[in-house]
Protein backbone atom coordinates (compact mmCIF):
# COMPACT_ATOMS: atom_id res chain seq x y z
CA UNK A 1 -0.01 0.03 -0.01
CA UNK A 2 1.50 3.33 -1.07
CA UNK A 3 0.74 6.24 1.25
CA UNK A 4 3.55 8.68 0.53
CA UNK A 5 3.37 11.94 -1.32
CA UNK A 6 6.00 13.01 -3.84
CA UNK A 7 5.12 16.61 -2.92
CA UNK A 8 6.19 15.76 0.59
CA UNK A 9 9.78 14.95 -0.26
CA UNK A 10 12.65 17.31 0.57
CA UNK A 11 15.96 17.16 -1.24
CA UNK A 12 17.67 16.86 2.10
CA UNK A 13 15.30 14.37 3.57
CA UNK A 14 16.40 11.67 6.01
CA UNK A 15 17.55 8.18 4.96
CA UNK A 16 14.19 6.73 5.92
CA UNK A 17 12.35 9.23 3.79
CA UNK A 18 14.57 8.64 0.83
CA UNK A 19 13.96 4.88 1.18
CA UNK A 20 10.23 5.10 1.73
CA UNK A 21 9.57 2.74 -1.19
CA UNK A 22 11.16 -0.03 0.85
CA UNK A 23 9.04 0.76 3.93
CA UNK A 24 5.79 1.62 2.22
CA UNK A 25 4.66 -1.90 1.44
CA UNK A 26 1.76 -2.23 3.95
CA UNK A 27 -0.32 -5.16 2.67
CA UNK A 28 -4.03 -5.74 3.09
CA UNK A 29 -3.02 -8.83 5.08
CA UNK A 30 0.45 -9.98 5.46
CA UNK A 31 1.24 -13.20 3.55
CA UNK A 32 4.12 -13.78 5.95
CA UNK A 33 1.99 -13.70 9.05
CA UNK A 34 2.10 -17.47 9.36
CA UNK A 35 5.85 -17.37 9.78
CA UNK A 36 7.31 -17.93 13.18
CA UNK A 37 8.43 -14.66 14.78
CA UNK A 38 11.46 -16.44 16.20
CA UNK A 39 14.26 -16.80 13.71
CA UNK A 40 16.89 -18.17 16.06
CA UNK A 41 17.00 -20.41 19.05
CA UNK A 42 18.94 -17.87 21.08
CA UNK A 43 16.36 -15.08 20.81
CA UNK A 44 13.85 -16.19 23.39
CA UNK A 45 14.16 -13.21 25.60
CA UNK A 46 13.91 -10.70 22.78
CA UNK A 47 10.85 -12.55 21.44
CA UNK A 48 9.02 -12.60 24.77
CA UNK A 49 7.08 -9.38 23.97
CA UNK A 50 6.39 -10.00 20.31
CA UNK A 51 2.79 -11.11 20.10
CA UNK A 52 1.43 -9.29 17.06
CA UNK A 53 4.92 -8.83 15.59
CA UNK A 54 7.14 -10.76 13.28
CA UNK A 55 10.93 -10.53 13.29
CA UNK A 56 12.54 -8.92 10.25
CA UNK A 57 15.35 -10.95 8.77
CA UNK A 58 18.65 -9.10 8.68
CA UNK A 59 19.00 -9.93 5.00
CA UNK A 60 15.82 -7.94 4.16
CA UNK A 61 16.36 -4.52 2.70
CA UNK A 62 13.98 -2.95 5.19
CA UNK A 63 16.20 -4.15 8.07
CA UNK A 64 19.23 -2.25 6.68
CA UNK A 65 17.20 0.88 5.95
CA UNK A 66 15.71 1.08 9.46
CA UNK A 67 18.90 0.11 11.25
CA UNK A 68 20.97 2.68 9.32
CA UNK A 69 18.30 5.38 9.74
CA UNK A 70 18.14 4.81 13.48
CA UNK A 71 21.82 4.64 14.24
CA UNK A 72 22.86 7.51 11.86
CA UNK A 73 20.32 9.71 13.70
CA UNK A 74 22.09 8.99 16.98
CA UNK A 75 25.15 10.87 15.93
CA UNK A 76 28.23 10.08 17.92
CA UNK A 77 26.33 7.34 19.80
CA UNK A 78 25.27 5.46 16.65
CA UNK A 79 28.40 3.38 16.21
CA UNK A 80 28.25 2.19 19.82
CA UNK A 81 24.53 1.35 19.66
CA UNK A 82 23.67 -2.36 19.05
CA UNK A 83 20.43 -3.01 17.17
CA UNK A 84 19.39 -6.33 18.64
CA UNK A 85 16.33 -6.95 16.60
CA UNK A 86 13.70 -5.25 14.32
CA UNK A 87 10.11 -6.47 14.29
CA UNK A 88 7.30 -5.79 11.83
CA UNK A 89 3.66 -5.50 12.83
CA UNK A 90 1.36 -8.37 11.67
CA UNK A 91 -1.44 -6.74 9.76
CA UNK A 92 -3.85 -9.63 9.71
CA UNK A 93 -4.55 -9.21 13.43
CA UNK A 94 -7.95 -7.52 14.07
CA UNK A 95 -6.49 -4.54 16.00
CA UNK A 96 -3.86 -3.87 13.39
CA UNK A 97 -6.44 -4.01 10.68
CA UNK A 98 -8.66 -1.57 12.47
CA UNK A 99 -5.78 0.86 12.99
CA UNK A 100 -4.78 0.48 9.38
CA UNK A 101 -8.24 1.01 7.99
CA UNK A 102 -8.79 4.14 10.13
CA UNK A 103 -5.42 5.47 9.04
CA UNK A 104 -6.32 4.95 5.36
CA UNK A 105 -9.67 6.77 5.73
CA UNK A 106 -7.99 9.83 7.24
CA UNK A 107 -5.11 9.67 4.75
CA UNK A 108 -7.65 9.97 1.86
CA UNK A 109 -9.58 12.74 3.63
CA UNK A 110 -6.38 14.78 4.28
CA UNK A 111 -5.22 14.30 0.70
CA UNK A 112 -8.49 15.70 -0.57
CA UNK A 113 -8.35 18.49 2.05
CA UNK A 114 -4.79 19.57 1.16
CA UNK A 115 -4.63 19.23 -2.56
CA UNK A 116 -3.23 15.74 -2.68
CA UNK A 117 -0.66 16.16 0.07
CA UNK A 118 -1.68 14.38 3.26
CA UNK A 119 1.81 14.99 4.74
CA UNK A 120 2.73 11.59 6.01
CA UNK A 121 5.96 11.31 7.90
CA UNK A 122 7.93 8.62 9.60
CA UNK A 123 8.52 9.24 13.36
CA UNK A 124 9.92 7.58 16.47
CA UNK A 125 8.18 6.83 19.79
CA UNK A 126 10.22 5.64 22.77
CA UNK A 127 8.58 3.36 25.28
CA UNK A 128 8.88 0.16 27.27
CA UNK A 129 8.50 -3.54 26.41
CA UNK A 130 5.17 -3.69 28.16
CA UNK A 131 3.77 -0.66 26.43
CA UNK A 132 4.82 -2.00 22.99
CA UNK A 133 2.54 -4.98 23.59
CA UNK A 134 -0.37 -2.76 24.70
CA UNK A 135 -0.03 -0.32 21.89
CA UNK A 136 0.04 -3.08 19.30
CA UNK A 137 -3.16 -4.65 20.61
CA UNK A 138 -5.09 -1.74 22.11
CA UNK A 139 -3.53 1.43 20.60
CA UNK A 140 -2.15 4.55 22.23
CA UNK A 141 -3.89 5.66 25.47
CA UNK A 142 -3.92 8.20 28.25
CA UNK A 143 -0.71 6.70 29.68
CA UNK A 144 1.27 7.71 26.62
CA UNK A 145 -0.15 11.21 26.91
CA UNK A 146 0.71 11.49 30.60
CA UNK A 147 4.26 10.25 30.06
CA UNK A 148 5.23 13.36 28.18
CA UNK A 149 5.84 16.57 30.03
CA UNK A 150 2.65 18.23 28.75
CA UNK A 151 4.72 21.26 27.61
CA UNK A 152 3.25 21.28 24.06
CA UNK A 153 -0.33 20.44 24.85
CA UNK A 154 -2.30 17.20 25.33
CA UNK A 155 -1.29 14.58 22.84
CA UNK A 156 1.29 12.01 21.91
CA UNK A 157 4.76 13.50 20.99
CA UNK A 158 6.86 11.76 18.38
CA UNK A 159 10.37 12.57 17.10
CA UNK A 160 11.05 13.07 13.36
CA UNK A 161 12.69 10.12 11.68
CA UNK A 162 16.05 11.87 11.44
CA UNK A 163 16.08 12.81 15.15
CA UNK A 164 15.68 9.57 17.25
CA UNK A 165 17.77 11.04 20.06
CA UNK A 166 14.72 12.68 21.62
CA UNK A 167 12.85 9.45 21.61
CA UNK A 168 15.72 7.49 23.15
CA UNK A 169 15.27 9.66 26.20
CA UNK A 170 11.79 8.22 26.61
CA UNK A 171 12.79 4.57 26.02
CA UNK A 172 12.81 2.29 29.04
CA UNK A 173 15.55 -0.26 29.62
CA UNK A 174 14.43 -3.75 30.57
CA UNK A 175 16.01 -6.37 32.74
CA UNK A 176 18.32 -7.44 29.86
CA UNK A 177 19.60 -3.97 29.11
CA UNK A 178 17.41 -3.63 26.02
CA UNK A 179 15.46 -0.57 25.05
CA UNK A 180 12.69 -0.22 22.40
CA UNK A 181 11.41 2.41 20.05
CA UNK A 182 8.45 2.32 17.65
CA UNK A 183 8.85 3.47 14.08
CA UNK A 184 5.48 4.83 13.11
CA UNK A 185 3.87 6.39 10.11
CA UNK A 186 2.21 9.62 11.20
CA UNK A 187 -0.47 11.55 9.42
CA UNK A 188 0.22 15.25 9.96
CA UNK A 189 -1.80 17.19 7.38
CA UNK A 190 -1.32 20.86 8.00
CA UNK A 191 0.70 21.59 11.09
CA UNK A 192 0.49 24.57 13.50
CA UNK A 193 3.32 25.70 15.71
CA UNK A 194 2.60 25.25 19.40
CA UNK A 195 4.41 27.41 21.98
CA UNK A 196 5.72 25.90 25.19
CA UNK A 197 3.17 25.91 28.03
CA UNK A 198 0.16 25.37 25.78
CA UNK A 199 -2.73 23.49 27.17
CA UNK A 200 -4.23 22.86 23.73
CA UNK A 201 -5.74 19.47 23.13
CA UNK A 202 -7.07 19.76 19.59
CA UNK A 203 -6.44 21.90 16.49
CA UNK A 204 -7.01 25.62 16.95
CA UNK A 205 -9.16 25.73 13.79
CA UNK A 206 -10.36 23.66 10.87
CA UNK A 207 -7.31 24.76 8.88
CA UNK A 208 -4.93 22.60 11.01
CA UNK A 209 -4.64 18.98 11.70
CA UNK A 210 -1.64 18.47 14.01
CA UNK A 211 1.12 20.43 15.68
CA UNK A 212 4.89 20.92 15.75
CA UNK A 213 7.28 22.69 18.07
CA UNK A 214 9.22 24.31 15.14
CA UNK A 215 8.20 24.23 11.47
CA UNK A 216 11.78 24.71 10.11
CA UNK A 217 13.58 22.33 12.51
CA UNK A 218 11.07 20.18 14.33
CA UNK A 219 11.94 18.14 17.40
CA UNK A 220 8.43 17.07 18.22
CA UNK A 221 5.35 16.17 16.17
CA UNK A 222 2.22 16.52 18.36
CA UNK A 223 -0.74 14.35 17.53
CA UNK A 224 -3.74 15.46 19.50
CA UNK A 225 -5.31 13.12 22.04
CA UNK A 226 -8.47 12.71 20.05
CA UNK A 227 -6.45 11.47 16.97
CA UNK A 228 -3.81 9.19 18.44
CA UNK A 229 -5.33 5.92 17.09
CA UNK A 230 -6.29 7.24 13.67
CA UNK A 231 -3.34 9.44 12.76
CA UNK A 232 -0.52 7.21 14.09
CA UNK A 233 0.25 3.88 12.50
CA UNK A 234 2.98 1.87 14.44
CA UNK A 235 4.70 -0.36 11.94
CA UNK A 236 8.09 -1.48 13.38
CA UNK A 237 9.76 -1.98 16.70
CA UNK A 238 13.49 -1.50 17.02
CA UNK A 239 15.10 -3.26 20.03
CA UNK A 240 18.58 -1.95 20.84
CA UNK A 241 21.26 -1.73 23.53
CA UNK A 242 22.48 1.78 24.06
CA UNK A 243 26.08 2.56 24.94
CA UNK A 244 26.68 3.17 28.67
CA UNK A 245 25.80 6.67 29.83
CA UNK A 246 23.79 7.54 26.74
CA UNK A 247 20.75 8.82 28.48
CA UNK A 248 22.78 10.89 31.02
CA UNK A 249 24.83 12.31 28.12
CA UNK A 250 21.62 13.40 26.31
CA UNK A 251 20.42 15.24 29.36
CA UNK A 252 23.84 16.82 29.90
CA UNK A 253 23.90 18.12 26.37
CA UNK A 254 20.79 20.17 27.02
CA UNK A 255 22.23 21.99 30.05
CA UNK A 256 23.04 25.71 30.03
CA UNK A 257 26.68 26.26 30.65
CA UNK A 258 27.14 28.28 33.72
CA UNK A 259 28.47 31.77 32.81
CA UNK A 260 31.62 33.08 34.32
CA UNK A 261 30.01 36.42 34.96
CA UNK A 262 27.57 37.37 37.71
CA UNK A 263 24.56 35.11 38.27
CA UNK A 264 21.33 35.63 40.18
CA UNK A 265 19.07 33.58 42.47
CA UNK A 266 16.18 31.61 40.90
CA UNK A 267 13.40 33.68 42.55
CA UNK A 268 15.00 36.87 41.17
CA UNK A 269 15.08 35.24 37.75
CA UNK A 270 11.36 34.41 37.98
CA UNK A 271 10.68 38.00 39.05
CA UNK A 272 12.45 39.39 35.98
CA UNK A 273 10.85 36.89 33.70
CA UNK A 274 7.39 37.85 34.95
CA UNK A 275 7.80 41.14 33.05
CA UNK A 276 8.06 39.26 29.71
CA UNK A 277 6.34 35.91 29.94
CA UNK A 278 2.56 35.17 30.02
CA UNK A 279 1.10 33.81 33.27
CA UNK A 280 0.80 30.26 32.02
CA UNK A 281 4.55 30.14 31.36
CA UNK A 282 5.38 31.53 34.77
CA UNK A 283 3.10 29.03 36.41
CA UNK A 284 4.84 26.18 34.70
CA UNK A 285 8.27 27.56 35.64
CA UNK A 286 7.18 27.75 39.23
CA UNK A 287 5.76 24.20 39.06
CA UNK A 288 9.08 22.86 37.66
CA UNK A 289 10.99 24.82 40.35
CA UNK A 290 8.83 23.24 43.01
CA UNK A 291 9.36 19.73 41.46
CA UNK A 292 13.13 20.37 41.58
CA UNK A 293 13.02 21.48 45.20
CA UNK A 294 11.11 18.30 46.07
CA UNK A 295 13.64 16.24 44.09
CA UNK A 296 11.08 15.06 41.54
CA UNK A 297 13.23 16.32 38.64
CA UNK A 298 16.94 16.97 38.24
CA UNK A 299 18.59 20.34 38.06
CA UNK A 300 19.36 19.59 34.43
CA UNK A 301 15.64 18.91 33.70
CA UNK A 302 14.75 22.15 35.43
CA UNK A 303 16.99 24.16 33.37
CA UNK A 304 15.80 22.50 30.15
CA UNK A 305 12.21 23.32 31.02
CA UNK A 306 13.03 26.95 31.77
CA UNK A 307 14.91 27.22 28.48
CA UNK A 308 11.95 25.82 26.51
CA UNK A 309 9.49 28.19 28.24
CA UNK A 310 11.55 31.37 28.19
CA UNK A 311 13.85 30.88 25.24
CA UNK A 312 17.59 31.28 25.24
CA UNK A 313 17.45 34.81 23.82
CA UNK A 314 15.45 36.10 26.74
CA UNK A 315 17.54 34.32 29.35
CA UNK A 316 20.74 35.61 27.79
CA UNK A 317 19.34 39.14 27.78
CA UNK A 318 18.28 38.86 31.45
CA UNK A 319 21.74 37.58 32.48
CA UNK A 320 23.43 40.43 30.55
CA UNK A 321 21.16 42.91 32.15
CA UNK A 322 22.03 41.66 35.60
CA UNK A 323 25.72 41.78 34.66
CA UNK A 324 25.37 45.40 33.77
CA UNK A 325 23.64 46.15 37.05
CA UNK A 326 26.43 44.38 38.90
CA UNK A 327 24.28 41.72 40.58
CA UNK A 328 26.55 39.43 42.50
CA UNK A 329 24.27 36.46 43.03
CA UNK A 330 24.23 33.18 41.17
CA UNK A 331 21.70 32.32 38.54
CA UNK A 332 19.86 28.95 38.76
CA UNK A 333 20.61 28.92 42.45
CA UNK A 334 17.31 27.47 43.50
């Protein structure tokens, strides 16, 4: 089944997008469903979660495309990441057929609505072994919505196919050191930009269908809660072992480097930001600060949330202003 749009291609698109012809073959009912999902006698632990899935042979072209697309998107961590297995969804199962048929209906509707371009993308979703099983049989639910930080409204957040690093943060390691991410096809239609702190749960108007944090360089696709099982089509599961310290390194990369110049206390920072930010953003900053004080989130996570809500430009301007005024306190000192 072909559900891609040539008008949707970009000359610098990711490896997965460039090889979409390999991935696009979603049959009415998989002729290979009768195959055993276990291809080797030593894979029992990896196969323990695979009801509704079939293992992709390493000799298949799709295995190489997905593996290379995933590891290349991990940058410096890619060469040290071991892809243990890739599984494909079995389409003859009732729940998979229901998901597929709903996706097809909306795909055609979006194509009609937007002049032939339904804007279908590949995207990653990080999760746990248990949630993979639940999503494959019952679809996405409130738990997946609650698991994100809610910063960009109420929905499921997915990472673009060329940026799996964000999704790796959400993946959960199992007892054997294996993590899992879903590779999904996502029906985006016309996207609107959502600002941090939004409590939006559906499109702002009939013009839009989904949301994104940044149109030019997206880190998150937001599929609204009402559409999570009609606009998201999970197709593959990538099981992998990440190099030691990967998750910690990802969080460390988001930290603001402490300036060598004067800093200021966190309450003073909030006071200054209150002159520029809307109330909802300040409420969220105060909430994250409280969570940090109660040790619910790390200092690194607090700083990341403040950066997303206030923006680096404003924070830099505030710090420079304090420097000019000769404030001798420390910034981020909560």
